[in-house]
């Protein structure tokens, strides 16, 4: 297991599978995330505008490099349909070295097809 990983996992949720796929595609295409797993529906329980809500949501697990987190977050918030989207950034404390290197390579700035 490689230590000192610069990989980050960013979590967010959205209200439909289609919206989850759209967000995932936008972020991977822009090289802000190397890959995204979509899980759902999950049941979310939260307080919003003074009332407790229980809603189905789709959870996105985005893998990126620490150097791209700020850009990923800005684009995710701009593209998201929620007024206040969940954006949680989790550190990766280790992992399979070649995979962690792949995440970094896939999210590098300045790649010819970077948008």
N, C-alpha and C. Protein backbone atom coordinates (compact mmCIF):
# COMPACT_ATOMS: atom_id res chain seq x y z
N UNK A 1 0.85 -1.18 0.00
CA UNK A 1 0.00 0.00 0.00
C UNK A 1 0.89 1.23 0.00
N UNK A 2 0.66 2.11 -0.95
CA UNK A 2 1.45 3.33 -1.05
C UNK A 2 0.93 4.38 -0.08
N UNK A 3 1.82 4.99 0.67
CA UNK A 3 1.44 6.05 1.59
C UNK A 3 1.60 7.41 0.93
N UNK A 4 1.25 8.44 1.65
CA UNK A 4 1.38 9.82 1.17
C UNK A 4 0.68 10.04 -0.16
N UNK A 5 -0.48 9.44 -0.33
CA UNK A 5 -1.23 9.58 -1.58
C UNK A 5 -1.76 10.99 -1.72
N UNK A 6 -1.73 11.52 -2.94
CA UNK A 6 -2.34 12.81 -3.22
C UNK A 6 -3.76 12.63 -3.77
N UNK A 7 -4.20 11.40 -3.84
CA UNK A 7 -5.55 11.12 -4.33
C UNK A 7 -6.58 11.56 -3.30
N UNK A 8 -7.70 12.08 -3.80
CA UNK A 8 -8.82 12.47 -2.96
C UNK A 8 -10.09 11.82 -3.50
N UNK A 9 -11.00 11.53 -2.59
CA UNK A 9 -12.33 11.06 -2.97
C UNK A 9 -13.29 12.19 -2.62
N UNK A 10 -14.09 12.59 -3.59
CA UNK A 10 -15.08 13.64 -3.39
C UNK A 10 -16.45 12.99 -3.49
N UNK A 11 -17.29 13.24 -2.50
CA UNK A 11 -18.64 12.69 -2.48
C UNK A 11 -19.65 13.78 -2.76
N UNK A 12 -20.67 13.41 -3.51
CA UNK A 12 -21.82 14.27 -3.71
C UNK A 12 -23.03 13.38 -3.95
N UNK A 13 -24.20 13.98 -3.91
CA UNK A 13 -25.44 13.27 -4.23
C UNK A 13 -26.26 14.11 -5.18
N UNK A 14 -27.17 13.44 -5.88
CA UNK A 14 -28.11 14.13 -6.75
C UNK A 14 -29.41 13.36 -6.78
N UNK A 15 -30.41 13.92 -7.45
CA UNK A 15 -31.76 13.39 -7.33
C UNK A 15 -32.18 12.37 -8.39
N UNK A 16 -31.29 12.03 -9.32
CA UNK A 16 -31.67 11.03 -10.34
C UNK A 16 -30.44 10.36 -10.92
N UNK A 17 -30.64 9.19 -11.46
CA UNK A 17 -29.56 8.47 -12.13
C UNK A 17 -29.06 9.24 -13.34
N UNK A 18 -29.98 9.83 -14.10
CA UNK A 18 -29.59 10.60 -15.28
C UNK A 18 -28.72 11.79 -14.90
N UNK A 19 -29.10 12.50 -13.84
CA UNK A 19 -28.31 13.65 -13.40
C UNK A 19 -26.94 13.19 -12.88
N UNK A 20 -26.90 12.08 -12.19
CA UNK A 20 -25.63 11.54 -11.71
C UNK A 20 -24.71 11.22 -12.88
N UNK A 21 -25.23 10.58 -13.91
CA UNK A 21 -24.42 10.26 -15.09
C UNK A 21 -23.96 11.52 -15.82
N UNK A 22 -24.83 12.52 -15.89
CA UNK A 22 -24.45 13.77 -16.54
C UNK A 22 -23.30 14.43 -15.80
N UNK A 23 -23.43 14.55 -14.48
CA UNK A 23 -22.35 15.15 -13.69
C UNK A 23 -21.06 14.36 -13.83
N UNK A 24 -21.14 13.04 -13.74
CA UNK A 24 -19.96 12.20 -13.87
C UNK A 24 -19.27 12.42 -15.21
N UNK A 25 -20.05 12.44 -16.27
CA UNK A 25 -19.48 12.61 -17.61
C UNK A 25 -18.81 13.97 -17.77
N UNK A 26 -19.46 15.02 -17.29
CA UNK A 26 -18.89 16.37 -17.37
C UNK A 26 -17.55 16.43 -16.66
N UNK A 27 -17.48 15.86 -15.46
CA UNK A 27 -16.27 15.97 -14.64
C UNK A 27 -15.14 15.09 -15.15
N UNK A 28 -15.46 13.90 -15.66
CA UNK A 28 -14.43 13.04 -16.24
C UNK A 28 -13.94 13.64 -17.56
N UNK A 29 -14.87 14.11 -18.38
CA UNK A 29 -14.49 14.71 -19.66
C UNK A 29 -13.57 15.91 -19.46
N UNK A 30 -13.80 16.68 -18.41
CA UNK A 30 -12.97 17.86 -18.11
C UNK A 30 -11.68 17.50 -17.38
N UNK A 31 -11.45 16.22 -17.16
CA UNK A 31 -10.26 15.72 -16.44
C UNK A 31 -10.18 16.25 -15.02
N UNK A 32 -11.34 16.55 -14.44
CA UNK A 32 -11.38 16.94 -13.04
C UNK A 32 -11.54 15.73 -12.14
N UNK A 33 -12.05 14.64 -12.68
CA UNK A 33 -12.13 13.36 -11.98
C UNK A 33 -11.61 12.28 -12.91
N UNK A 34 -10.86 11.34 -12.36
CA UNK A 34 -10.37 10.22 -13.17
C UNK A 34 -11.48 9.21 -13.41
N UNK A 35 -12.29 9.01 -12.41
CA UNK A 35 -13.42 8.09 -12.54
C UNK A 35 -14.46 8.44 -11.49
N UNK A 36 -15.67 7.97 -11.73
CA UNK A 36 -16.78 8.22 -10.81
C UNK A 36 -17.60 6.95 -10.70
N UNK A 37 -17.85 6.53 -9.47
CA UNK A 37 -18.81 5.46 -9.25
C UNK A 37 -20.12 6.09 -8.81
N UNK A 38 -21.20 5.54 -9.34
CA UNK A 38 -22.54 6.01 -9.01
C UNK A 38 -23.27 4.89 -8.29
N UNK A 39 -23.77 5.18 -7.11
CA UNK A 39 -24.52 4.19 -6.33
C UNK A 39 -25.91 4.75 -6.04
N UNK A 40 -26.89 3.91 -6.17
CA UNK A 40 -28.22 4.40 -5.82
C UNK A 40 -29.31 3.56 -6.42
N UNK A 41 -30.47 3.86 -6.02
CA UNK A 41 -30.76 4.96 -5.10
C UNK A 41 -30.40 4.61 -3.66
N UNK A 42 -30.00 5.64 -2.93
CA UNK A 42 -29.81 5.56 -1.48
C UNK A 42 -30.90 6.41 -0.86
N UNK A 43 -31.22 6.15 0.39
CA UNK A 43 -32.24 6.92 1.08
C UNK A 43 -31.54 7.97 1.94
N UNK A 44 -31.84 9.23 1.69
CA UNK A 44 -31.26 10.34 2.45
C UNK A 44 -32.31 10.95 3.36
N UNK A 45 -31.93 11.17 4.59
CA UNK A 45 -32.79 11.82 5.57
C UNK A 45 -32.09 13.10 5.99
N UNK A 46 -32.76 14.23 5.81
CA UNK A 46 -32.12 15.51 6.08
C UNK A 46 -33.16 16.57 6.42
N UNK A 47 -32.69 17.61 7.07
CA UNK A 47 -33.56 18.75 7.36
C UNK A 47 -33.30 19.82 6.30
N UNK A 48 -34.36 20.30 5.67
CA UNK A 48 -34.22 21.33 4.64
C UNK A 48 -35.40 22.28 4.76
N UNK A 49 -35.10 23.55 4.87
CA UNK A 49 -36.10 24.60 4.99
C UNK A 49 -37.10 24.30 6.11
N UNK A 50 -36.55 23.86 7.25
CA UNK A 50 -37.36 23.68 8.45
C UNK A 50 -38.11 22.37 8.57
N UNK A 51 -38.00 21.50 7.60
CA UNK A 51 -38.73 20.23 7.65
C UNK A 51 -37.78 19.07 7.40
N UNK A 52 -38.09 17.93 8.01
CA UNK A 52 -37.31 16.72 7.78
C UNK A 52 -37.83 16.07 6.50
N UNK A 53 -36.91 15.75 5.61
CA UNK A 53 -37.25 15.11 4.34
C UNK A 53 -36.58 13.75 4.25
N UNK A 54 -37.23 12.84 3.57
CA UNK A 54 -36.66 11.53 3.25
C UNK A 54 -36.81 11.39 1.74
N UNK A 55 -35.68 11.31 1.04
CA UNK A 55 -35.69 11.32 -0.42
C UNK A 55 -34.72 10.28 -0.99
N UNK A 56 -35.04 9.73 -2.15
CA UNK A 56 -34.05 8.89 -2.84
C UNK A 56 -33.01 9.79 -3.51
N UNK A 57 -31.76 9.40 -3.42
CA UNK A 57 -30.68 10.13 -4.07
C UNK A 57 -29.70 9.13 -4.66
N UNK A 58 -28.86 9.61 -5.57
CA UNK A 58 -27.78 8.83 -6.16
C UNK A 58 -26.50 9.45 -5.66
N UNK A 59 -25.61 8.60 -5.15
CA UNK A 59 -24.35 9.07 -4.59
C UNK A 59 -23.23 8.88 -5.61
N UNK A 60 -22.42 9.91 -5.76
CA UNK A 60 -21.27 9.86 -6.66
C UNK A 60 -19.99 9.87 -5.83
N UNK A 61 -19.10 8.94 -6.14
CA UNK A 61 -17.77 8.86 -5.55
C UNK A 61 -16.79 9.24 -6.65
N UNK A 62 -16.23 10.43 -6.55
CA UNK A 62 -15.33 10.95 -7.57
C UNK A 62 -13.89 10.82 -7.09
N UNK A 63 -13.02 10.29 -7.93
CA UNK A 63 -11.61 10.18 -7.60
C UNK A 63 -10.83 11.23 -8.37
N UNK A 64 -10.01 12.00 -7.64
CA UNK A 64 -9.24 13.06 -8.26
C UNK A 64 -7.92 13.22 -7.52
N UNK A 65 -7.08 14.11 -8.00
CA UNK A 65 -5.83 14.45 -7.34
C UNK A 65 -6.05 15.70 -6.50
N UNK A 66 -5.31 15.82 -5.41
CA UNK A 66 -5.43 16.98 -4.53
C UNK A 66 -5.28 18.30 -5.28
N UNK A 67 -4.43 18.31 -6.30
CA UNK A 67 -4.20 19.53 -7.08
C UNK A 67 -5.43 19.95 -7.88
N UNK A 68 -6.39 19.06 -8.07
CA UNK A 68 -7.58 19.37 -8.88
C UNK A 68 -8.84 19.56 -8.04
N UNK A 69 -8.74 19.42 -6.73
CA UNK A 69 -9.93 19.47 -5.88
C UNK A 69 -10.67 20.80 -6.00
N UNK A 70 -9.96 21.92 -5.93
CA UNK A 70 -10.63 23.22 -5.99
C UNK A 70 -11.37 23.41 -7.31
N UNK A 71 -10.73 23.04 -8.42
CA UNK A 71 -11.38 23.16 -9.73
C UNK A 71 -12.56 22.22 -9.85
N UNK A 72 -12.41 21.00 -9.33
CA UNK A 72 -13.51 20.04 -9.36
C UNK A 72 -14.69 20.57 -8.56
N UNK A 73 -14.42 21.06 -7.37
CA UNK A 73 -15.50 21.58 -6.53
C UNK A 73 -16.22 22.74 -7.20
N UNK A 74 -15.48 23.67 -7.78
CA UNK A 74 -16.10 24.82 -8.45
C UNK A 74 -16.98 24.37 -9.60
N UNK A 75 -16.50 23.44 -10.42
CA UNK A 75 -17.28 22.96 -11.56
C UNK A 75 -18.49 22.16 -11.09
N UNK A 76 -18.30 21.33 -10.06
CA UNK A 76 -19.40 20.53 -9.54
C UNK A 76 -20.52 21.42 -9.01
N UNK A 77 -20.18 22.43 -8.24
CA UNK A 77 -21.18 23.34 -7.69
C UNK A 77 -21.87 24.10 -8.82
N UNK A 78 -21.12 24.53 -9.83
CA UNK A 78 -21.69 25.27 -10.96
C UNK A 78 -22.66 24.41 -11.78
N UNK A 79 -22.34 23.13 -11.93
CA UNK A 79 -23.15 22.22 -12.75
C UNK A 79 -24.32 21.59 -11.99
N UNK A 80 -24.24 21.59 -10.67
CA UNK A 80 -25.20 20.85 -9.85
C UNK A 80 -26.57 21.52 -9.87
N UNK A 81 -27.62 20.71 -9.76
CA UNK A 81 -28.99 21.23 -9.76
C UNK A 81 -29.47 21.62 -8.36
N UNK A 82 -28.76 21.20 -7.31
CA UNK A 82 -29.17 21.55 -5.94
C UNK A 82 -28.71 22.96 -5.59
N UNK A 83 -29.49 23.64 -4.73
CA UNK A 83 -29.09 24.95 -4.23
C UNK A 83 -27.83 24.86 -3.39
N UNK A 84 -27.75 23.82 -2.56
CA UNK A 84 -26.60 23.61 -1.68
C UNK A 84 -26.17 22.15 -1.82
N UNK A 85 -25.37 21.85 -2.86
CA UNK A 85 -24.98 20.45 -3.05
C UNK A 85 -23.99 19.97 -1.98
N UNK A 86 -24.11 18.70 -1.66
CA UNK A 86 -23.12 18.06 -0.79
C UNK A 86 -21.82 17.94 -1.57
N UNK A 87 -20.74 18.44 -0.99
CA UNK A 87 -19.40 18.25 -1.55
C UNK A 87 -18.48 17.97 -0.37
N UNK A 88 -18.11 16.71 -0.22
CA UNK A 88 -17.20 16.31 0.85
C UNK A 88 -15.92 15.79 0.23
N UNK A 89 -14.78 16.27 0.70
CA UNK A 89 -13.48 15.86 0.18
C UNK A 89 -12.81 15.00 1.25
N UNK A 90 -12.50 13.75 0.87
CA UNK A 90 -11.89 12.80 1.80
C UNK A 90 -10.47 12.49 1.36
N UNK A 91 -9.51 12.49 2.30
CA UNK A 91 -8.15 12.11 1.94
C UNK A 91 -8.05 10.60 1.75
N UNK A 92 -7.16 10.21 0.88
CA UNK A 92 -6.83 8.80 0.69
C UNK A 92 -5.48 8.59 1.37
N UNK A 93 -5.44 7.71 2.35
CA UNK A 93 -4.21 7.53 3.12
C UNK A 93 -3.28 6.48 2.51
N UNK A 94 -3.75 5.77 1.51
CA UNK A 94 -2.93 4.78 0.84
C UNK A 94 -3.76 4.05 -0.19
N UNK A 95 -3.10 3.17 -0.92
CA UNK A 95 -3.80 2.40 -1.94
C UNK A 95 -2.80 1.75 -2.88
N UNK A 96 -3.33 1.12 -3.90
CA UNK A 96 -2.51 0.46 -4.91
C UNK A 96 -1.79 1.53 -5.72
N UNK A 97 -0.46 1.54 -5.63
CA UNK A 97 0.36 2.58 -6.26
C UNK A 97 0.03 2.87 -7.71
N UNK A 98 -0.08 1.84 -8.58
CA UNK A 98 -0.40 2.11 -9.98
C UNK A 98 -1.77 2.78 -10.17
N UNK A 99 -2.74 2.41 -9.32
CA UNK A 99 -4.06 3.06 -9.43
C UNK A 99 -3.97 4.52 -9.02
N UNK A 100 -3.28 4.80 -7.92
CA UNK A 100 -3.14 6.18 -7.47
C UNK A 100 -2.41 7.03 -8.51
N UNK A 101 -1.40 6.46 -9.16
CA UNK A 101 -0.69 7.17 -10.23
C UNK A 101 -1.61 7.41 -11.41
N UNK A 102 -2.48 6.45 -11.72
CA UNK A 102 -3.43 6.60 -12.82
C UNK A 102 -4.38 7.76 -12.54
N UNK A 103 -4.87 7.86 -11.30
CA UNK A 103 -5.77 8.97 -10.94
C UNK A 103 -5.06 10.29 -11.18
N UNK A 104 -3.82 10.40 -10.74
CA UNK A 104 -3.06 11.64 -10.93
C UNK A 104 -2.87 11.93 -12.42
N UNK A 105 -2.47 10.93 -13.18
CA UNK A 105 -2.24 11.13 -14.62
C UNK A 105 -3.50 11.54 -15.35
N UNK A 106 -4.63 10.94 -15.00
CA UNK A 106 -5.89 11.24 -15.70
C UNK A 106 -6.47 12.60 -15.36
N UNK A 107 -5.98 13.21 -14.29
CA UNK A 107 -6.50 14.52 -13.89
C UNK A 107 -5.48 15.63 -14.04
N UNK A 108 -4.39 15.36 -14.74
CA UNK A 108 -3.37 16.39 -14.94
C UNK A 108 -3.88 17.51 -15.83
N UNK A 109 -3.47 18.71 -15.49
CA UNK A 109 -3.77 19.87 -16.34
C UNK A 109 -2.88 19.81 -17.57
N UNK A 110 -3.34 20.44 -18.65
CA UNK A 110 -2.50 20.60 -19.81
C UNK A 110 -2.45 19.41 -20.75
N UNK A 111 -3.24 18.40 -20.47
CA UNK A 111 -3.33 17.27 -21.41
C UNK A 111 -3.97 17.80 -22.69
N UNK A 112 -3.53 17.31 -23.84
CA UNK A 112 -3.98 17.84 -25.15
C UNK A 112 -5.49 17.93 -25.27
N UNK A 113 -6.23 16.94 -24.75
CA UNK A 113 -7.68 16.99 -24.90
C UNK A 113 -8.36 17.57 -23.68
N UNK A 114 -7.62 18.27 -22.80
CA UNK A 114 -8.20 18.93 -21.65
C UNK A 114 -9.11 20.05 -22.11
N UNK A 115 -10.24 20.16 -21.46
CA UNK A 115 -11.21 21.19 -21.87
C UNK A 115 -11.33 22.27 -20.84
